[in-house]
């Protein structure tokens, strides 16, 4: 069981709100959350590698989502050597 720090009444309100949303609204939420995760990852890469150029930054970000073999084959980037 996952820890839950949301009060049961608030969680019930959230669930009801999600149930009232149409598919487009739900998809918009998913897209917004995905973008937020992407932005956080990008900020972390930039913090850890402040002198990286745009290509290196993009590769380091992609290596967080793609497996090492795909990174090597598709981009010639080995995250086991270069890091994330």
C-alpha atoms as a PDB file:
ATOM      1  CA  UNK A   1       0.000   0.000   0.000  1.00  0.00           C
ATOM      2  CA  UNK A   2       1.275   3.462  -0.885  1.00  0.00           C
ATOM      3  CA  UNK A   3       1.470   6.139   1.782  1.00  0.00           C
ATOM      4  CA  UNK A   4      -1.307   8.692   1.496  1.00  0.00           C
ATOM      5  CA  UNK A   5      -0.850  12.168   2.899  1.00  0.00           C
ATOM      6  CA  UNK A   6      -4.170  13.435   1.533  1.00  0.00           C
ATOM      7  CA  UNK A   7      -7.120  13.608   3.906  1.00  0.00           C
ATOM      8  CA  UNK A   8      -9.887  11.181   2.905  1.00  0.00           C
ATOM      9  CA  UNK A   9     -12.457  13.966   2.355  1.00  0.00           C
ATOM     10  CA  UNK A  10     -10.106  15.868   0.056  1.00  0.00           C
ATOM     11  CA  UNK A  11      -9.243  12.692  -1.838  1.00  0.00           C
ATOM     12  CA  UNK A  12     -12.968  11.996  -2.344  1.00  0.00           C
ATOM     13  CA  UNK A  13     -13.404  15.516  -3.765  1.00  0.00           C
ATOM     14  CA  UNK A  14     -10.481  14.994  -6.129  1.00  0.00           C
ATOM     15  CA  UNK A  15     -11.816  11.665  -7.352  1.00  0.00           C
ATOM     16  CA  UNK A  16     -15.258  13.155  -7.925  1.00  0.00           C
ATOM     17  CA  UNK A  17     -13.695  16.010  -9.854  1.00  0.00           C
ATOM     18  CA  UNK A  18     -11.765  13.570 -12.055  1.00  0.00           C
ATOM     19  CA  UNK A  19     -14.960  11.600 -12.693  1.00  0.00           C
ATOM     20  CA  UNK A  20     -16.730  14.749 -13.894  1.00  0.00           C
ATOM     21  CA  UNK A  21     -13.959  15.596 -16.370  1.00  0.00           C
ATOM     22  CA  UNK A  22     -14.404  14.653 -19.985  1.00  0.00           C
ATOM     23  CA  UNK A  23     -11.650  12.819 -21.859  1.00  0.00           C
ATOM     24  CA  UNK A  24     -10.171  16.044 -23.243  1.00  0.00           C
ATOM     25  CA  UNK A  25      -9.844  17.565 -19.786  1.00  0.00           C
ATOM     26  CA  UNK A  26      -8.192  14.423 -18.459  1.00  0.00           C
ATOM     27  CA  UNK A  27      -5.784  14.369 -21.383  1.00  0.00           C
ATOM     28  CA  UNK A  28      -4.924  18.016 -20.770  1.00  0.00           C
ATOM     29  CA  UNK A  29      -4.036  17.110 -17.168  1.00  0.00           C
ATOM     30  CA  UNK A  30      -1.821  14.243 -18.347  1.00  0.00           C
ATOM     31  CA  UNK A  31      -0.053  16.514 -20.848  1.00  0.00           C
ATOM     32  CA  UNK A  32       0.487  19.213 -18.219  1.00  0.00           C
ATOM     33  CA  UNK A  33       1.908  16.724 -15.726  1.00  0.00           C
ATOM     34  CA  UNK A  34       4.159  15.197 -18.389  1.00  0.00           C
ATOM     35  CA  UNK A  35       5.484  18.649 -19.277  1.00  0.00           C
ATOM     36  CA  UNK A  36       6.109  19.408 -15.619  1.00  0.00           C
ATOM     37  CA  UNK A  37       8.119  16.206 -15.214  1.00  0.00           C
ATOM     38  CA  UNK A  38      10.082  17.037 -18.372  1.00  0.00           C
ATOM     39  CA  UNK A  39      10.832  20.556 -17.088  1.00  0.00           C
ATOM     40  CA  UNK A  40      11.985  19.224 -13.719  1.00  0.00           C
ATOM     41  CA  UNK A  41      14.281  16.725 -15.430  1.00  0.00           C
ATOM     42  CA  UNK A  42      15.679  19.427 -17.680  1.00  0.00           C
ATOM     43  CA  UNK A  43      16.327  21.701 -14.706  1.00  0.00           C
ATOM     44  CA  UNK A  44      18.158  18.877 -12.943  1.00  0.00           C
ATOM     45  CA  UNK A  45      20.328  18.150 -15.998  1.00  0.00           C
ATOM     46  CA  UNK A  46      21.171  21.842 -16.326  1.00  0.00           C
ATOM     47  CA  UNK A  47      22.008  22.049 -12.621  1.00  0.00           C
ATOM     48  CA  UNK A  48      24.291  19.004 -12.759  1.00  0.00           C
ATOM     49  CA  UNK A  49      25.889  19.924 -16.121  1.00  0.00           C
ATOM     50  CA  UNK A  50      25.812  23.721 -16.415  1.00  0.00           C
ATOM     51  CA  UNK A  51      28.308  23.807 -19.310  1.00  0.00           C
ATOM     52  CA  UNK A  52      26.531  21.202 -21.457  1.00  0.00           C
ATOM     53  CA  UNK A  53      25.455  22.372 -24.901  1.00  0.00           C
ATOM     54  CA  UNK A  54      21.925  21.863 -26.230  1.00  0.00           C
ATOM     55  CA  UNK A  55      22.688  18.429 -27.759  1.00  0.00           C
ATOM     56  CA  UNK A  56      24.324  17.066 -24.622  1.00  0.00           C
ATOM     57  CA  UNK A  57      21.502  18.410 -22.474  1.00  0.00           C
ATOM     58  CA  UNK A  58      18.909  16.749 -24.714  1.00  0.00           C
ATOM     59  CA  UNK A  59      20.814  13.449 -24.685  1.00  0.00           C
ATOM     60  CA  UNK A  60      21.169  13.459 -20.925  1.00  0.00           C
ATOM     61  CA  UNK A  61      17.452  14.135 -20.590  1.00  0.00           C
ATOM     62  CA  UNK A  62      16.553  11.403 -23.095  1.00  0.00           C
ATOM     63  CA  UNK A  63      18.795   8.925 -21.289  1.00  0.00           C
ATOM     64  CA  UNK A  64      16.512   9.214 -18.283  1.00  0.00           C
ATOM     65  CA  UNK A  65      13.623   7.776 -20.308  1.00  0.00           C
ATOM     66  CA  UNK A  66      15.290   5.453 -22.781  1.00  0.00           C
ATOM     67  CA  UNK A  67      17.252   2.320 -22.045  1.00  0.00           C
ATOM     68  CA  UNK A  68      21.048   2.403 -22.519  1.00  0.00           C
ATOM     69  CA  UNK A  69      20.987   0.143 -25.599  1.00  0.00           C
ATOM     70  CA  UNK A  70      18.551   2.445 -27.403  1.00  0.00           C
ATOM     71  CA  UNK A  71      20.665   5.461 -26.472  1.00  0.00           C
ATOM     72  CA  UNK A  72      23.790   3.785 -27.871  1.00  0.00           C
ATOM     73  CA  UNK A  73      22.144   2.600 -31.102  1.00  0.00           C
ATOM     74  CA  UNK A  74      20.061   5.677 -31.862  1.00  0.00           C
ATOM     75  CA  UNK A  75      22.351   8.460 -30.662  1.00  0.00           C
ATOM     76  CA  UNK A  76      25.802   7.000 -30.090  1.00  0.00           C
ATOM     77  CA  UNK A  77      25.472   8.048 -26.448  1.00  0.00           C
ATOM     78  CA  UNK A  78      26.323   5.556 -23.723  1.00  0.00           C
ATOM     79  CA  UNK A  79      24.786   6.675 -20.434  1.00  0.00           C
ATOM     80  CA  UNK A  80      26.812   4.049 -18.565  1.00  0.00           C
ATOM     81  CA  UNK A  81      29.938   5.986 -19.626  1.00  0.00           C
ATOM     82  CA  UNK A  82      28.639   9.546 -20.041  1.00  0.00           C
ATOM     83  CA  UNK A  83      26.173   9.522 -17.164  1.00  0.00           C
ATOM     84  CA  UNK A  84      22.675  10.947 -17.083  1.00  0.00           C
END
